[in-house]
Amino acid sequence: MEVGREVTKFQPGDEVYTFLNPISGGACAEYAVVAESDAAIKPKNITHAEAAAVPIAGLTALQSLRDLGQIQAGNKVLINGASGGVGTFSVQVAKAMNAEVTGVCSAKNIEFIKSLGADFVLDYAEIDFTQQTAKYDIILDAVGTRTFAECEKVLQPEGVYISTLPSFENLAPMLTSWFLSGKKAKFILANANPSDLEALRELIESDKVEPIVDRTYSLAEVAAAHAYSETGRAIGKIAIVIE
């Protein structure tokens, strides 16, 4: 790593991690310029490929649960899409915060999600969590497949529904619940907050959170990486490795 003349937080050669804002295009590149304020020291106990898998999904999980959900120890949290990139981080972050976690995924991933610490795991093909009697303090829809209207009846009176994908169906409840008490509907858009990257580093270095990398691809295989991602079958994240 090289640094600009006015950079004081890092030194040449430091191993850092961050993400390039996807709204402005993102990147898959051998070299990239990032603002000092958007980066943090890479966790020392993981590889560069694993570190690359952390920021977007890890920050989405952390900022959803802690900031939007105001998670507390003992909260009942449901993660829809628990085996995906955001989902695998969310299960672990919620458990690190001493919540009771229910993961929703396919049957083939149930044991894996249990291994990440989930207290309960539901097979979405067999059980519709919105039709069960259990109620949750936080529902994080990490795959954007369930609406607030569907989830509202299984939220606690002051529960929070959080989606990673904006949708027309959720727009009205997100706007109205902002001003009203009771159940809330919220949308998460992660930002590269360096203090949050530091918080993730601490969780990873203390072995409370582990980045899950399903597959790695070379820079020349970016199209194949995107094609695999679009299948929706990836467990955890996909990383691009530059030799």
C-alpha atoms as a PDB file:
ATOM      1  CA  MET A   1       0.000   0.000   0.000  1.00  0.00           C
ATOM      2  CA  GLU A   2       1.098   3.558  -0.748  1.00  0.00           C
ATOM      3  CA  VAL A   3      -0.198   6.692   0.940  1.00  0.00           C
ATOM      4  CA  GLY A   4      -0.762  10.306  -0.065  1.00  0.00           C
ATOM      5  CA  ARG A   5       1.178  13.237   1.362  1.00  0.00           C
ATOM      6  CA  GLU A   6      -1.524  14.196   3.846  1.00  0.00           C
ATOM      7  CA  VAL A   7      -2.308  10.700   5.122  1.00  0.00           C
ATOM      8  CA  THR A   8      -1.426  10.267   8.805  1.00  0.00           C
ATOM      9  CA  LYS A   9      -3.420   7.204   9.836  1.00  0.00           C
ATOM     10  CA  PHE A  10      -1.517   4.671   7.721  1.00  0.00           C
ATOM     11  CA  GLN A  11       2.043   3.966   6.649  1.00  0.00           C
ATOM     12  CA  PRO A  12       3.300   2.491   3.358  1.00  0.00           C
ATOM     13  CA  GLY A  13       3.058  -1.278   3.565  1.00  0.00           C
ATOM     14  CA  ASP A  14       0.125  -1.374   6.000  1.00  0.00           C
ATOM     15  CA  GLU A  15      -2.485  -4.001   5.184  1.00  0.00           C
ATOM     16  CA  VAL A  16      -5.867  -2.289   5.075  1.00  0.00           C
ATOM     17  CA  TYR A  17      -9.395  -3.095   4.032  1.00  0.00           C
ATOM     18  CA  THR A  18     -12.382  -1.070   2.851  1.00  0.00           C
ATOM     19  CA  PHE A  19     -14.901  -1.101   0.024  1.00  0.00           C
ATOM     20  CA  LEU A  20     -15.527   1.118  -2.950  1.00  0.00           C
ATOM     21  CA  ASN A  21     -19.029   2.522  -2.805  1.00  0.00           C
ATOM     22  CA  PRO A  22     -21.188   0.407  -5.151  1.00  0.00           C
ATOM     23  CA  ILE A  23     -23.442   3.414  -5.841  1.00  0.00           C
ATOM     24  CA  SER A  24     -20.511   5.109  -7.588  1.00  0.00           C
ATOM     25  CA  GLY A  25     -19.674   1.954  -9.504  1.00  0.00           C
ATOM     26  CA  GLY A  26     -17.481  -0.150  -7.224  1.00  0.00           C
ATOM     27  CA  ALA A  27     -14.544  -1.958  -8.801  1.00  0.00           C
ATOM     28  CA  CYS A  28     -12.733  -5.207  -9.394  1.00  0.00           C
ATOM     29  CA  ALA A  29      -9.181  -3.970  -9.858  1.00  0.00           C
ATOM     30  CA  GLU A  30      -5.544  -4.604  -9.022  1.00  0.00           C
ATOM     31  CA  TYR A  31      -5.136  -1.026  -7.770  1.00  0.00           C
ATOM     32  CA  ALA A  32      -7.655   1.409  -6.322  1.00  0.00           C
ATOM     33  CA  VAL A  33      -7.572   4.759  -4.556  1.00  0.00           C
ATOM     34  CA  VAL A  34      -9.619   5.096  -1.378  1.00  0.00           C
ATOM     35  CA  ALA A  35     -10.051   7.876   1.138  1.00  0.00           C
ATOM     36  CA  GLU A  36      -8.126   7.544   4.389  1.00  0.00           C
ATOM     37  CA  SER A  37     -11.413   8.022   6.231  1.00  0.00           C
ATOM     38  CA  ASP A  38     -12.914   4.945   4.563  1.00  0.00           C
ATOM     39  CA  ALA A  39     -10.226   2.407   5.459  1.00  0.00           C
ATOM     40  CA  ALA A  40      -9.056   0.445   8.492  1.00  0.00           C
ATOM     41  CA  ILE A  41      -6.294  -2.014   9.328  1.00  0.00           C
ATOM     42  CA  LYS A  42      -7.092  -5.499   8.019  1.00  0.00           C
ATOM     43  CA  PRO A  43      -7.819  -8.214  10.609  1.00  0.00           C
ATOM     44  CA  LYS A  44      -4.542 -10.020  11.176  1.00  0.00           C
ATOM     45  CA  ASN A  45      -5.939 -13.549  11.468  1.00  0.00           C
ATOM     46  CA  ILE A  46      -7.579 -13.826   8.040  1.00  0.00           C
ATOM     47  CA  THR A  47      -6.358 -13.936   4.454  1.00  0.00           C
ATOM     48  CA  HIS A  48      -6.636 -11.058   1.999  1.00  0.00           C
ATOM     49  CA  ALA A  49      -9.417 -12.908   0.155  1.00  0.00           C
ATOM     50  CA  GLU A  50     -11.348 -13.284   3.408  1.00  0.00           C
ATOM     51  CA  ALA A  51     -10.724  -9.627   4.272  1.00  0.00           C
ATOM     52  CA  ALA A  52     -12.089  -8.571   0.886  1.00  0.00           C
ATOM     53  CA  ALA A  53     -15.296 -10.425   1.728  1.00  0.00           C
ATOM     54  CA  VAL A  54     -15.871  -8.504   4.963  1.00  0.00           C
ATOM     55  CA  PRO A  55     -16.652  -4.813   4.377  1.00  0.00           C
ATOM     56  CA  ILE A  56     -19.896  -4.651   2.390  1.00  0.00           C
ATOM     57  CA  ALA A  57     -21.598  -7.678   3.943  1.00  0.00           C
ATOM     58  CA  GLY A  58     -20.088  -7.229   7.393  1.00  0.00           C
ATOM     59  CA  LEU A  59     -20.935  -3.535   7.614  1.00  0.00           C
ATOM     60  CA  THR A  60     -24.451  -4.214   6.348  1.00  0.00           C
ATOM     61  CA  ALA A  61     -24.952  -6.788   9.091  1.00  0.00           C
ATOM     62  CA  LEU A  62     -23.417  -4.649  11.849  1.00  0.00           C
ATOM     63  CA  GLN A  63     -25.127  -1.394  10.916  1.00  0.00           C
ATOM     64  CA  SER A  64     -28.479  -3.139  10.388  1.00  0.00           C
ATOM     65  CA  LEU A  65     -28.543  -4.897  13.734  1.00  0.00           C
ATOM     66  CA  ARG A  66     -26.781  -2.357  15.932  1.00  0.00           C
ATOM     67  CA  ASP A  67     -27.869   0.969  14.421  1.00  0.00           C
ATOM     68  CA  LEU A  68     -31.238   0.313  12.794  1.00  0.00           C
ATOM     69  CA  GLY A  69     -32.343  -2.571  14.988  1.00  0.00           C
ATOM     70  CA  GLN A  70     -30.879  -1.237  18.249  1.00  0.00           C
ATOM     71  CA  ILE A  71     -30.110  -4.859  19.144  1.00  0.00           C
ATOM     72  CA  GLN A  72     -29.926  -5.768  22.828  1.00  0.00           C
ATOM     73  CA  ALA A  73     -28.782  -8.909  24.624  1.00  0.00           C
ATOM     74  CA  GLY A  74     -31.646 -11.388  24.747  1.00  0.00           C
ATOM     75  CA  ASN A  75     -33.430  -9.991  21.698  1.00  0.00           C
ATOM     76  CA  LYS A  76     -35.028 -12.506  19.378  1.00  0.00           C
ATOM     77  CA  VAL A  77     -33.579 -11.948  15.905  1.00  0.00           C
ATOM     78  CA  LEU A  78     -34.566 -13.641  12.652  1.00  0.00           C
ATOM     79  CA  ILE A  79     -32.229 -13.575   9.645  1.00  0.00           C
ATOM     80  CA  ASN A  80     -33.941 -14.344   6.333  1.00  0.00           C
ATOM     81  CA  GLY A  81     -31.308 -15.552   3.872  1.00  0.00           C
ATOM     82  CA  ALA A  82     -28.961 -16.697   6.629  1.00  0.00           C
ATOM     83  CA  SER A  83     -26.558 -18.570   4.345  1.00  0.00           C
ATOM     84  CA  GLY A  84     -25.746 -15.638   2.048  1.00  0.00           C
ATOM     85  CA  GLY A  85     -23.070 -12.987   2.350  1.00  0.00           C
ATOM     86  CA  VAL A  86     -24.973 -10.613   4.637  1.00  0.00           C
ATOM     87  CA  GLY A  87     -26.771 -13.498   6.308  1.00  0.00           C
ATOM     88  CA  THR A  88     -23.678 -15.366   7.506  1.00  0.00           C
ATOM     89  CA  PHE A  89     -22.279 -12.175   9.019  1.00  0.00           C
ATOM     90  CA  SER A  90     -25.639 -11.265  10.557  1.00  0.00           C
ATOM     91  CA  VAL A  91     -26.016 -14.603  12.342  1.00  0.00           C
ATOM     92  CA  GLN A  92     -22.548 -14.260  13.864  1.00  0.00           C
ATOM     93  CA  VAL A  93     -22.823 -10.567  14.737  1.00  0.00           C
ATOM     94  CA  ALA A  94     -26.196 -11.113  16.424  1.00  0.00           C
ATOM     95  CA  LYS A  95     -24.792 -14.007  18.467  1.00  0.00           C
ATOM     96  CA  ALA A  96     -21.750 -11.906  19.405  1.00  0.00           C
ATOM     97  CA  MET A  97     -24.269  -9.403  20.805  1.00  0.00           C
ATOM     98  CA  ASN A  98     -25.920 -12.173  22.840  1.00  0.00           C
ATOM     99  CA  ALA A  99     -29.170 -12.311  20.893  1.00  0.00           C
ATOM    100  CA  GLU A 100     -31.276 -15.397  20.265  1.00  0.00           C
ATOM    101  CA  VAL A 101     -30.938 -16.053  16.541  1.00  0.00           C
ATOM    102  CA  THR A 102     -33.222 -17.839  14.109  1.00  0.00           C
ATOM    103  CA  GLY A 103     -31.822 -18.376  10.623  1.00  0.00           C
ATOM    104  CA  VAL A 104     -33.885 -19.045   7.506  1.00  0.00           C
ATOM    105  CA  CYS A 105     -32.181 -20.892   4.648  1.00  0.00           C
ATOM    106  CA  SER A 106     -32.452 -23.965   2.421  1.00  0.00           C
ATOM    107  CA  ALA A 107     -32.409 -27.467   3.895  1.00  0.00           C
ATOM    108  CA  LYS A 108     -28.882 -28.198   2.689  1.00  0.00           C
ATOM    109  CA  ASN A 109     -27.470 -25.286   4.703  1.00  0.00           C
ATOM    110  CA  ILE A 110     -29.225 -25.900   8.008  1.00  0.00           C
ATOM    111  CA  GLU A 111     -26.316 -27.604   9.759  1.00  0.00           C
ATOM    112  CA  PHE A 112     -23.888 -24.988   8.471  1.00  0.00           C
ATOM    113  CA  ILE A 113     -25.976 -22.127   9.876  1.00  0.00           C
ATOM    114  CA  LYS A 114     -26.194 -23.971  13.190  1.00  0.00           C
ATOM    115  CA  SER A 115     -22.390 -24.184  13.162  1.00  0.00           C
ATOM    116  CA  LEU A 116     -22.273 -20.368  12.956  1.00  0.00           C
ATOM    117  CA  GLY A 117     -24.164 -20.202  16.239  1.00  0.00           C
ATOM    118  CA  ALA A 118     -27.827 -19.916  15.226  1.00  0.00           C
ATOM    119  CA  ASP A 119     -30.172 -21.145  17.964  1.00  0.00           C
ATOM    120  CA  PHE A 120     -32.873 -22.190  15.504  1.00  0.00           C
ATOM    121  CA  VAL A 121     -32.802 -22.746  11.736  1.00  0.00           C
ATOM    122  CA  LEU A 122     -35.842 -22.944   9.471  1.00  0.00           C
ATOM    123  CA  ASP A 123     -36.002 -24.489   6.003  1.00  0.00           C
ATOM    124  CA  TYR A 124     -37.839 -21.864   3.969  1.00  0.00           C
ATOM    125  CA  ALA A 125     -39.247 -24.532   1.638  1.00  0.00           C
ATOM    126  CA  GLU A 126     -40.967 -26.281   4.550  1.00  0.00           C
ATOM    127  CA  ILE A 127     -41.705 -23.507   7.059  1.00  0.00           C
ATOM    128  CA  ASP A 128     -43.028 -20.015   6.418  1.00  0.00           C
ATOM    129  CA  PHE A 129     -41.776 -18.021   9.399  1.00  0.00           C
ATOM    130  CA  THR A 130     -44.443 -15.359   8.836  1.00  0.00           C
ATOM    131  CA  GLN A 131     -47.109 -17.972   9.632  1.00  0.00           C
ATOM    132  CA  GLN A 132     -45.560 -19.172  12.894  1.00  0.00           C
ATOM    133  CA  THR A 133     -46.395 -18.061  16.437  1.00  0.00           C
ATOM    134  CA  ALA A 134     -42.857 -16.949  17.345  1.00  0.00           C
ATOM    135  CA  LYS A 135     -42.372 -13.173  17.449  1.00  0.00           C
ATOM    136  CA  TYR A 136     -39.131 -11.291  16.888  1.00  0.00           C
ATOM    137  CA  ASP A 137     -37.573  -8.050  18.027  1.00  0.00           C
ATOM    138  CA  ILE A 138     -35.648  -7.768  14.755  1.00  0.00           C
ATOM    139  CA  ILE A 139     -36.261  -9.345  11.360  1.00  0.00           C
ATOM    140  CA  LEU A 140     -33.399  -8.758   8.946  1.00  0.00           C
ATOM    141  CA  ASP A 141     -34.374  -9.708   5.407  1.00  0.00           C
ATOM    142  CA  ALA A 142     -30.904 -10.161   3.946  1.00  0.00           C
ATOM    143  CA  VAL A 143     -32.248 -11.281   0.569  1.00  0.00           C
ATOM    144  CA  GLY A 144     -35.205  -8.941   0.145  1.00  0.00           C
ATOM    145  CA  THR A 145     -37.787 -11.665  -0.442  1.00  0.00           C
ATOM    146  CA  ARG A 146     -40.311 -10.804   2.297  1.00  0.00           C
ATOM    147  CA  THR A 147     -42.182  -7.542   2.731  1.00  0.00           C
ATOM    148  CA  PHE A 148     -42.913  -5.631   5.914  1.00  0.00           C
ATOM    149  CA  ALA A 149     -46.605  -6.443   5.466  1.00  0.00           C
ATOM    150  CA  GLU A 150     -45.787 -10.155   5.548  1.00  0.00           C
ATOM    151  CA  CYS A 151     -43.456  -9.849   8.529  1.00  0.00           C
ATOM    152  CA  GLU A 152     -45.440  -7.359  10.600  1.00  0.00           C
ATOM    153  CA  LYS A 153     -47.559  -9.954  12.369  1.00  0.00           C
ATOM    154  CA  VAL A 154     -44.494 -11.807  13.698  1.00  0.00           C
ATOM    155  CA  LEU A 155     -42.789  -8.667  15.004  1.00  0.00           C
ATOM    156  CA  GLN A 156     -42.908  -7.693  18.657  1.00  0.00           C
ATOM    157  CA  PRO A 157     -44.949  -4.507  19.375  1.00  0.00           C
ATOM    158  CA  GLU A 158     -41.779  -2.394  19.083  1.00  0.00           C
ATOM    159  CA  GLY A 159     -40.060  -4.733  16.623  1.00  0.00           C
ATOM    160  CA  VAL A 160     -38.014  -3.663  13.613  1.00  0.00           C
ATOM    161  CA  TYR A 161     -38.073  -5.070  10.090  1.00  0.00           C
ATOM    162  CA  ILE A 162     -34.937  -4.290   8.058  1.00  0.00           C
ATOM    163  CA  SER A 163     -34.479  -4.990   4.357  1.00  0.00           C
ATOM    164  CA  THR A 164     -31.309  -4.905   2.282  1.00  0.00           C
ATOM    165  CA  LEU A 165     -33.291  -4.197  -0.878  1.00  0.00           C
ATOM    166  CA  PRO A 166     -35.644  -1.237  -1.392  1.00  0.00           C
ATOM    167  CA  SER A 167     -39.004  -2.144  -2.868  1.00  0.00           C
ATOM    168  CA  PHE A 168     -42.240  -0.424  -3.788  1.00  0.00           C
ATOM    169  CA  GLU A 169     -44.151  -2.620  -1.316  1.00  0.00           C
ATOM    170  CA  ASN A 170     -41.988  -1.448   1.577  1.00  0.00           C
ATOM    171  CA  LEU A 171     -41.787   2.224   0.662  1.00  0.00           C
ATOM    172  CA  ALA A 172     -45.010   3.358   2.356  1.00  0.00           C
ATOM    173  CA  PRO A 173     -44.431   1.524   5.665  1.00  0.00           C
ATOM    174  CA  MET A 174     -40.830   2.738   5.775  1.00  0.00           C
ATOM    175  CA  LEU A 175     -42.019   6.329   5.414  1.00  0.00           C
ATOM    176  CA  THR A 176     -44.943   6.124   7.823  1.00  0.00           C
ATOM    177  CA  SER A 177     -43.207   4.083  10.534  1.00  0.00           C
ATOM    178  CA  TRP A 178     -40.413   6.667  10.630  1.00  0.00           C
ATOM    179  CA  PHE A 179     -42.847   9.076  12.310  1.00  0.00           C
ATOM    180  CA  LEU A 180     -45.024   6.650  14.272  1.00  0.00           C
ATOM    181  CA  SER A 181     -44.370   4.557  17.346  1.00  0.00           C
ATOM    182  CA  GLY A 182     -44.678   0.788  17.255  1.00  0.00           C
ATOM    183  CA  LYS A 183     -43.348  -1.586  14.622  1.00  0.00           C
ATOM    184  CA  LYS A 184     -40.794  -0.130  12.230  1.00  0.00           C
ATOM    185  CA  ALA A 185     -39.780  -0.832   8.635  1.00  0.00           C
ATOM    186  CA  LYS A 186     -36.268   0.243   7.645  1.00  0.00           C
ATOM    187  CA  PHE A 187     -33.835  -0.054   4.738  1.00  0.00           C
ATOM    188  CA  ILE A 188     -30.074  -0.493   5.145  1.00  0.00           C
ATOM    189  CA  LEU A 189     -27.414   1.025   2.917  1.00  0.00           C
ATOM    190  CA  ALA A 190     -23.989   0.319   4.428  1.00  0.00           C
ATOM    191  CA  ASN A 191     -21.317   2.978   4.591  1.00  0.00           C
ATOM    192  CA  ALA A 192     -17.549   2.568   4.975  1.00  0.00           C
ATOM    193  CA  ASN A 193     -17.333   3.877   8.525  1.00  0.00           C
ATOM    194  CA  PRO A 194     -13.752   3.247   9.758  1.00  0.00           C
ATOM    195  CA  SER A 195     -14.856   2.785  13.373  1.00  0.00           C
ATOM    196  CA  ASP A 196     -17.252   0.067  12.216  1.00  0.00           C
ATOM    197  CA  LEU A 197     -14.486  -1.579  10.196  1.00  0.00           C
ATOM    198  CA  GLU A 198     -12.452  -1.523  13.409  1.00  0.00           C
ATOM    199  CA  ALA A 199     -15.379  -3.075  15.283  1.00  0.00           C
ATOM    200  CA  LEU A 200     -15.558  -5.868  12.712  1.00  0.00           C
ATOM    201  CA  ARG A 201     -11.793  -6.360  12.980  1.00  0.00           C
ATOM    202  CA  GLU A 202     -12.134  -6.816  16.739  1.00  0.00           C
ATOM    203  CA  LEU A 203     -14.941  -9.338  16.307  1.00  0.00           C
ATOM    204  CA  ILE A 204     -12.916 -11.293  13.753  1.00  0.00           C
ATOM    205  CA  GLU A 205      -9.672 -11.224  15.726  1.00  0.00           C
ATOM    206  CA  SER A 206     -11.528 -12.411  18.836  1.00  0.00           C
ATOM    207  CA  ASP A 207     -12.942 -15.334  16.801  1.00  0.00           C
ATOM    208  CA  LYS A 208     -16.531 -14.204  17.278  1.00  0.00           C
ATOM    209  CA  VAL A 209     -17.034 -13.633  13.552  1.00  0.00           C
ATOM    210  CA  GLU A 210     -15.539 -15.590  10.654  1.00  0.00           C
ATOM    211  CA  PRO A 211     -15.774 -14.431   7.027  1.00  0.00           C
ATOM    212  CA  ILE A 212     -17.229 -17.227   4.906  1.00  0.00           C
ATOM    213  CA  VAL A 213     -15.832 -17.391   1.372  1.00  0.00           C
ATOM    214  CA  ASP A 214     -17.635 -19.845  -0.895  1.00  0.00           C
ATOM    215  CA  ARG A 215     -15.378 -19.508  -3.941  1.00  0.00           C
ATOM    216  CA  THR A 216     -12.550 -17.388  -5.256  1.00  0.00           C
ATOM    217  CA  TYR A 217     -12.012 -16.309  -8.857  1.00  0.00           C
ATOM    218  CA  SER A 218      -9.178 -14.617 -10.686  1.00  0.00           C
ATOM    219  CA  LEU A 219      -9.584 -11.096 -12.065  1.00  0.00           C
ATOM    220  CA  ALA A 220      -9.960 -12.623 -15.537  1.00  0.00           C
ATOM    221  CA  GLU A 221     -12.882 -14.698 -14.263  1.00  0.00           C
ATOM    222  CA  VAL A 222     -15.004 -11.782 -13.013  1.00  0.00           C
ATOM    223  CA  ALA A 223     -17.844 -12.622 -15.431  1.00  0.00           C
ATOM    224  CA  ALA A 224     -17.956 -16.191 -14.109  1.00  0.00           C
ATOM    225  CA  ALA A 225     -17.947 -14.861 -10.541  1.00  0.00           C
ATOM    226  CA  HIS A 226     -20.936 -12.646 -11.277  1.00  0.00           C
ATOM    227  CA  ALA A 227     -22.720 -15.526 -13.007  1.00  0.00           C
ATOM    228  CA  TYR A 228     -22.242 -17.742  -9.954  1.00  0.00           C
ATOM    229  CA  SER A 229     -23.388 -14.955  -7.635  1.00  0.00           C
ATOM    230  CA  GLU A 230     -26.564 -14.534  -9.671  1.00  0.00           C
ATOM    231  CA  THR A 231     -27.481 -18.196  -9.150  1.00  0.00           C
ATOM    232  CA  GLY A 232     -28.233 -17.330  -5.512  1.00  0.00           C
ATOM    233  CA  ARG A 233     -26.516 -20.539  -4.380  1.00  0.00           C
ATOM    234  CA  ALA A 234     -23.347 -19.022  -2.928  1.00  0.00           C
ATOM    235  CA  ILE A 235     -22.769 -19.691   0.761  1.00  0.00           C
ATOM    236  CA  GLY A 236     -21.229 -16.581   2.246  1.00  0.00           C
ATOM    237  CA  LYS A 237     -19.215 -14.438  -0.120  1.00  0.00           C
ATOM    238  CA  ILE A 238     -17.323 -14.687  -3.412  1.00  0.00           C
ATOM    239  CA  ALA A 239     -13.852 -13.135  -3.644  1.00  0.00           C
ATOM    240  CA  ILE A 240     -11.680 -12.026  -6.552  1.00  0.00           C
ATOM    241  CA  VAL A 241      -8.026 -12.961  -6.059  1.00  0.00           C
ATOM    242  CA  ILE A 242      -5.283 -11.130  -7.918  1.00  0.00           C
ATOM    243  CA  GLU A 243      -2.095 -13.164  -8.193  1.00  0.00           C
END
